[in-house]
Protein backbone atom coordinates (compact mmCIF):
# COMPACT_ATOMS: atom_id res chain seq x y z
CA UNK A 1 35.39 -9.45 -10.32
CA UNK A 2 33.21 -12.73 -11.24
CA UNK A 3 29.79 -11.63 -12.17
CA UNK A 4 28.58 -15.06 -12.19
CA UNK A 5 24.95 -15.76 -10.08
CA UNK A 6 26.01 -19.17 -8.86
CA UNK A 7 29.38 -17.95 -7.39
CA UNK A 8 27.66 -15.34 -5.36
CA UNK A 9 24.39 -17.43 -3.86
CA UNK A 10 23.88 -20.90 -2.67
CA UNK A 11 20.91 -23.00 -4.40
CA UNK A 12 19.77 -23.28 -0.72
CA UNK A 13 19.28 -19.12 -0.70
CA UNK A 14 17.89 -19.00 -4.66
CA UNK A 15 14.94 -21.73 -3.49
CA UNK A 16 14.26 -19.87 -0.21
CA UNK A 17 13.90 -16.75 -2.10
CA UNK A 18 11.56 -18.33 -4.65
CA UNK A 19 9.55 -19.79 -1.96
CA UNK A 20 9.01 -16.53 -0.10
CA UNK A 21 8.19 -14.65 -3.42
CA UNK A 22 5.71 -17.03 -4.54
CA UNK A 23 4.23 -17.14 -1.01
CA UNK A 24 4.17 -13.02 -1.64
CA UNK A 25 2.58 -13.90 -4.81
CA UNK A 26 0.00 -15.88 -3.81
CA UNK A 27 -0.70 -13.74 -0.88
CA UNK A 28 -1.60 -10.72 -3.36
CA UNK A 29 -3.46 -12.97 -5.86
CA UNK A 30 -5.88 -13.89 -3.04
CA UNK A 31 -6.14 -10.00 -2.22
CA UNK A 32 -6.73 -9.56 -5.96
CA UNK A 33 -9.53 -11.99 -6.05
CA UNK A 34 -11.46 -11.20 -3.35
CA UNK A 35 -11.53 -7.53 -4.89
CA UNK A 36 -12.76 -8.88 -8.27
CA UNK A 37 -15.41 -11.17 -6.39
CA UNK A 38 -16.69 -8.74 -3.95
CA UNK A 39 -18.09 -6.49 -7.07
CA UNK A 40 -20.73 -8.81 -8.01
CA UNK A 41 -21.41 -9.73 -4.47
CA UNK A 42 -22.25 -6.41 -3.69
CA UNK A 43 -24.22 -5.85 -6.95
CA UNK A 44 -26.50 -9.16 -5.89
CA UNK A 45 -26.65 -8.46 -2.08
CA UNK A 46 -27.16 -4.50 -1.83
CA UNK A 47 -29.59 -2.73 -3.84
CA UNK A 48 -27.98 0.68 -3.33
CA UNK A 49 -24.94 -0.46 -4.92
CA UNK A 50 -26.64 -0.25 -8.26
CA UNK A 51 -29.48 1.84 -7.49
CA UNK A 52 -28.48 4.61 -5.90
CA UNK A 53 -26.90 7.58 -7.69
CA UNK A 54 -23.75 9.84 -7.21
CA UNK A 55 -21.81 12.07 -9.05
CA UNK A 56 -23.43 12.55 -12.60
CA UNK A 57 -26.04 10.19 -11.84
CA UNK A 58 -23.81 7.12 -11.69
CA UNK A 59 -24.38 4.32 -9.22
CA UNK A 60 -21.76 3.22 -6.79
CA UNK A 61 -21.01 0.13 -8.67
CA UNK A 62 -20.65 1.77 -11.79
CA UNK A 63 -17.96 4.44 -10.34
CA UNK A 64 -16.12 1.69 -8.54
CA UNK A 65 -16.25 -0.47 -12.13
CA UNK A 66 -15.05 2.60 -13.90
CA UNK A 67 -12.58 4.37 -11.88
CA UNK A 68 -12.39 2.18 -8.33
CA UNK A 69 -10.85 -1.03 -9.87
CA UNK A 70 -8.10 0.79 -11.98
CA UNK A 71 -6.90 2.57 -9.12
CA UNK A 72 -6.80 -0.32 -6.67
CA UNK A 73 -5.16 -2.63 -9.46
CA UNK A 74 -2.49 0.11 -9.79
CA UNK A 75 -1.82 0.45 -6.12
CA UNK A 76 -1.73 -3.43 -5.78
CA UNK A 77 0.53 -3.56 -8.38
CA UNK A 78 2.75 -1.40 -6.86
CA UNK A 79 2.82 -2.64 -3.45
CA UNK A 80 3.69 -6.23 -4.99
CA UNK A 81 6.53 -4.70 -6.66
CA UNK A 82 7.84 -2.81 -4.10
CA UNK A 83 7.48 -6.06 -1.30
CA UNK A 84 8.86 -8.44 -4.11
CA UNK A 85 11.95 -6.06 -4.47
CA UNK A 86 12.13 -5.42 -0.83
CA UNK A 87 12.34 -9.24 -0.27
CA UNK A 88 14.68 -10.29 -3.05
CA UNK A 89 16.91 -7.47 -1.87
CA UNK A 90 16.93 -8.38 1.96
CA UNK A 91 17.58 -12.23 0.88
CA UNK A 92 19.78 -12.14 -1.80
CA UNK A 93 21.38 -8.84 -1.49
CA UNK A 94 22.63 -6.36 -4.23
CA UNK A 95 25.82 -6.65 -6.11
CA UNK A 96 26.81 -3.34 -4.50
CA UNK A 97 26.30 -4.78 -1.17
CA UNK A 98 28.84 -7.87 -1.98
CA UNK A 99 32.12 -7.43 0.02
CA UNK A 100 34.04 -9.08 -2.88
CA UNK A 101 32.73 -6.54 -5.31
CA UNK A 102 34.21 -3.54 -3.14
CA UNK A 103 37.63 -2.82 -2.47
CA UNK A 104 39.15 -1.88 1.03
CA UNK A 105 38.83 2.03 0.43
CA UNK A 106 34.86 1.55 -0.78
CA UNK A 107 35.59 2.57 -4.29
CA UNK A 108 35.23 -1.01 -5.89
CA UNK A 109 39.24 -0.99 -6.92
CA UNK A 110 41.82 -2.52 -5.11
CA UNK A 111 44.22 -0.18 -3.24
């Protein structure tokens, strides 16, 4: 069994996967920027965003800054990781999916 990556995937496959993953990363980066940019825009345009009081006397803007952004960033990170892994797996496959690595009986050993 040869573990050489070049023997498994052509440069064109790797390049196509790289370009696809780059598009995914740029797309999620735009979502990240929009979320970060929305915070000051809401602060400047909506008075209730910083003047209203919610739980414990905190404003909606403070609650989002203190808790909401962290939850959003964690969810965005998980989404990026899952989508990137799925794209890479679908485009390049996995070593376990390679027919050359699995014998005719499915055990990974030649019969």
